[in-house]
Amino acid sequence: DNDGGDCDPKKSESYSYSYSYSYSYSHHPHCCVEHAFHATGEVASTTCFGGRSPWEASTMSDLCTAGHSDAGAAAPPFRDCSQEAIDAGNCGSADWDTCAECADFGIPIGMFFANVGYTSCPDWVVDAAREEAAEGGQCAPWFEYEEEGDDDCTPGWHSINCLDGTVMYGE
């Protein structure tokens, strides 16, 4: 039947699609995100390290140095506020990550931060990154949220390019 979503009404029986407002990132099989972890190893939060795209191959190769796996492969922590790290004076892998930052930023002892690569980005990771983006976080550009001061925008489809060259626009 012609549900109004066909590119060519004359071919509606052989060409149809459906659109859902649920978000599927299956076209991004790999992702690399920053997780903050509680001392127990449980994920406390998710963001896009430095505002980088979680879907880009360069993000994976630059930041997720442990590679990726279905369960998530964590690179060495870049900020480590564990008591062991504080006692050793070795709380980070970058010049700006010092043990003083743990206290300066109110990071609880035991918490650590690492970039994690996923072979197939799990829904809970995508959902957490989307929530962070909606709050204006570092993932905002990758989930189609505009910066403050821009027009309000709800992520969704903008246009579909059909094989015959027709372009359909969303409402």
Protein backbone atom coordinates (compact mmCIF):
# COMPACT_ATOMS: atom_id res chain seq x y z
CA ASP A 1 0.00 0.00 0.00
CA ASN A 2 1.06 3.57 -0.49
CA ASP A 3 1.80 4.82 3.02
CA GLY A 4 2.99 8.19 1.75
CA GLY A 5 6.64 7.27 2.22
CA ASP A 6 7.41 5.99 -1.25
CA CYS A 7 9.75 7.89 -3.51
CA ASP A 8 7.77 7.11 -6.66
CA PRO A 9 4.04 6.57 -6.17
CA LYS A 10 3.89 4.56 -9.43
CA LYS A 11 6.29 2.02 -7.92
CA SER A 12 4.78 1.98 -4.44
CA GLU A 13 4.16 -1.74 -4.53
CA SER A 14 7.81 -2.58 -5.12
CA TYR A 15 9.45 0.28 -3.20
CA SER A 16 8.43 1.19 0.30
CA TYR A 17 10.06 2.05 3.56
CA SER A 18 8.95 2.88 7.03
CA TYR A 19 10.39 5.47 9.34
CA SER A 20 10.46 5.34 13.08
CA TYR A 21 11.38 8.12 15.45
CA SER A 22 13.41 5.69 17.52
CA TYR A 23 17.12 6.12 17.01
CA SER A 24 19.18 3.33 15.57
CA TYR A 25 22.91 3.67 15.24
CA SER A 26 23.40 0.28 13.64
CA HIS A 27 25.09 2.10 10.75
CA HIS A 28 27.83 2.95 13.27
CA PRO A 29 29.00 -0.51 14.26
CA HIS A 30 32.04 0.72 16.20
CA CYS A 31 32.10 3.46 18.79
CA CYS A 32 34.68 4.93 21.12
CA VAL A 33 33.39 6.83 24.15
CA GLU A 34 34.74 8.16 27.42
CA HIS A 35 33.37 6.48 30.53
CA ALA A 36 33.79 7.58 34.13
CA PHE A 37 33.86 4.54 36.39
CA HIS A 38 33.05 4.12 40.07
CA ALA A 39 35.63 2.30 42.19
CA THR A 40 33.51 -0.85 41.72
CA GLY A 41 34.07 -0.68 37.95
CA GLU A 42 30.46 0.30 37.27
CA VAL A 43 30.02 3.00 34.62
CA ALA A 44 29.12 6.33 36.23
CA SER A 45 28.80 8.45 33.08
CA THR A 46 29.43 8.54 29.35
CA THR A 47 30.63 11.35 27.09
CA CYS A 48 32.52 11.99 23.86
CA PHE A 49 36.15 12.63 24.79
CA GLY A 50 37.15 16.17 23.84
CA GLY A 51 33.98 16.53 21.77
CA ARG A 52 35.25 14.00 19.23
CA SER A 53 32.87 11.87 17.21
CA PRO A 54 32.33 8.47 18.82
CA TRP A 55 31.77 6.99 15.34
CA GLU A 56 34.96 8.14 13.59
CA ALA A 57 37.71 5.63 12.89
CA SER A 58 40.34 8.19 13.96
CA THR A 59 38.68 8.49 17.39
CA MET A 60 38.92 4.73 17.77
CA SER A 61 42.57 4.58 16.71
CA ASP A 62 43.65 7.67 18.69
CA LEU A 63 41.74 7.17 21.94
CA CYS A 64 40.56 3.59 22.24
CA THR A 65 44.06 2.19 22.22
CA ALA A 66 42.90 -1.19 23.57
CA GLY A 67 40.86 -1.67 20.40
CA HIS A 68 37.23 -2.73 20.70
CA SER A 69 35.11 -5.68 21.76
CA ASP A 70 31.42 -6.47 22.15
CA ALA A 71 31.69 -5.95 25.93
CA GLY A 72 33.91 -2.88 25.50
CA ALA A 73 37.70 -2.71 25.59
CA ALA A 74 38.99 -0.06 27.98
CA ALA A 75 42.18 1.83 27.22
CA PRO A 76 44.37 2.57 30.25
CA PRO A 77 42.75 5.24 32.46
CA PHE A 78 43.71 8.78 31.47
CA ARG A 79 42.57 10.08 34.87
CA ASP A 80 42.82 7.72 37.83
CA CYS A 81 41.66 8.86 41.26
CA SER A 82 42.16 5.50 42.95
CA GLN A 83 43.96 5.60 46.28
CA GLU A 84 46.80 3.56 44.74
CA ALA A 85 47.29 6.11 41.94
CA ILE A 86 47.12 9.05 44.37
CA ASP A 87 49.66 7.39 46.70
CA ALA A 88 51.96 6.74 43.73
CA GLY A 89 51.48 10.29 42.40
CA ASN A 90 50.53 8.85 39.01
CA CYS A 91 46.91 9.83 38.35
CA GLY A 92 46.86 10.47 34.64
CA SER A 93 48.35 9.84 31.25
CA ALA A 94 48.25 13.43 29.95
CA ASP A 95 50.17 16.53 31.04
CA TRP A 96 47.06 18.15 32.49
CA ASP A 97 45.94 15.09 34.46
CA THR A 98 47.47 15.35 37.91
CA CYS A 99 46.43 13.88 41.23
CA ALA A 100 45.51 17.40 42.36
CA GLU A 101 42.68 17.35 39.81
CA CYS A 102 40.97 14.57 41.76
CA ALA A 103 40.46 16.94 44.69
CA ASP A 104 40.19 20.14 42.62
CA PHE A 105 37.25 18.75 40.64
CA GLY A 106 35.65 16.91 43.57
CA ILE A 107 36.22 13.51 41.98
CA PRO A 108 35.61 10.80 44.57
CA ILE A 109 38.56 8.63 45.53
CA GLY A 110 38.37 5.43 43.54
CA MET A 111 36.81 6.92 40.43
CA PHE A 112 38.68 6.63 37.13
CA PHE A 113 38.17 7.70 33.52
CA ALA A 114 38.99 5.73 30.37
CA ASN A 115 38.09 5.59 26.70
CA VAL A 116 36.25 2.40 25.76
CA GLY A 117 35.85 0.89 22.31
CA TYR A 118 32.81 -1.17 21.36
CA THR A 119 32.60 -3.43 18.30
CA SER A 120 28.86 -2.83 18.09
CA CYS A 121 27.87 0.21 20.12
CA PRO A 122 25.33 -1.04 22.71
CA ASP A 123 21.99 0.73 23.08
CA TRP A 124 22.77 1.73 26.68
CA VAL A 125 25.96 3.50 25.52
CA VAL A 126 24.15 5.31 22.69
CA ASP A 127 21.34 6.28 25.09
CA ALA A 128 23.81 7.59 27.70
CA ALA A 129 25.72 9.60 25.08
CA ARG A 130 22.44 10.99 23.70
CA GLU A 131 21.32 12.04 27.21
CA GLU A 132 24.67 13.75 27.76
CA ALA A 133 24.28 15.49 24.40
CA ALA A 134 20.77 16.69 25.26
CA GLU A 135 22.22 18.40 28.33
CA GLY A 136 24.68 20.30 26.13
CA GLY A 137 27.60 17.95 26.72
CA GLN A 138 30.53 17.02 24.52
CA CYS A 139 28.42 14.58 22.45
CA ALA A 140 25.93 17.28 21.34
CA PRO A 141 27.25 17.73 17.77
CA TRP A 142 27.11 13.98 17.10
CA PHE A 143 23.46 13.66 18.11
CA GLU A 144 22.27 16.70 16.14
CA TYR A 145 21.75 18.92 19.16
CA GLU A 146 22.49 22.54 18.43
CA GLU A 147 24.66 24.76 20.55
CA GLU A 148 23.11 27.18 23.00
CA GLY A 149 21.64 30.22 21.28
CA ASP A 150 20.72 28.34 18.11
CA ASP A 151 17.16 27.50 17.22
CA ASP A 152 15.63 24.71 19.24
CA CYS A 153 16.07 21.47 17.39
CA THR A 154 14.74 18.00 17.96
CA PRO A 155 16.89 15.35 16.30
CA GLY A 156 15.14 13.53 13.51
CA TRP A 157 15.37 12.99 9.80
CA HIS A 158 15.84 15.94 7.51
CA SER A 159 15.76 14.43 4.05
CA ILE A 160 15.94 11.18 2.14
CA ASN A 161 17.66 10.94 -1.23
CA CYS A 162 15.90 8.40 -3.42
CA LEU A 163 17.72 6.31 -6.01
CA ASP A 164 15.89 8.07 -8.83
CA GLY A 165 17.25 11.46 -7.68
CA THR A 166 14.08 12.57 -5.89
CA VAL A 167 14.67 14.22 -2.50
CA MET A 168 12.00 13.91 0.18
CA TYR A 169 12.03 16.30 3.12
CA GLY A 170 10.76 15.71 6.64
CA GLU A 171 8.18 17.95 8.16
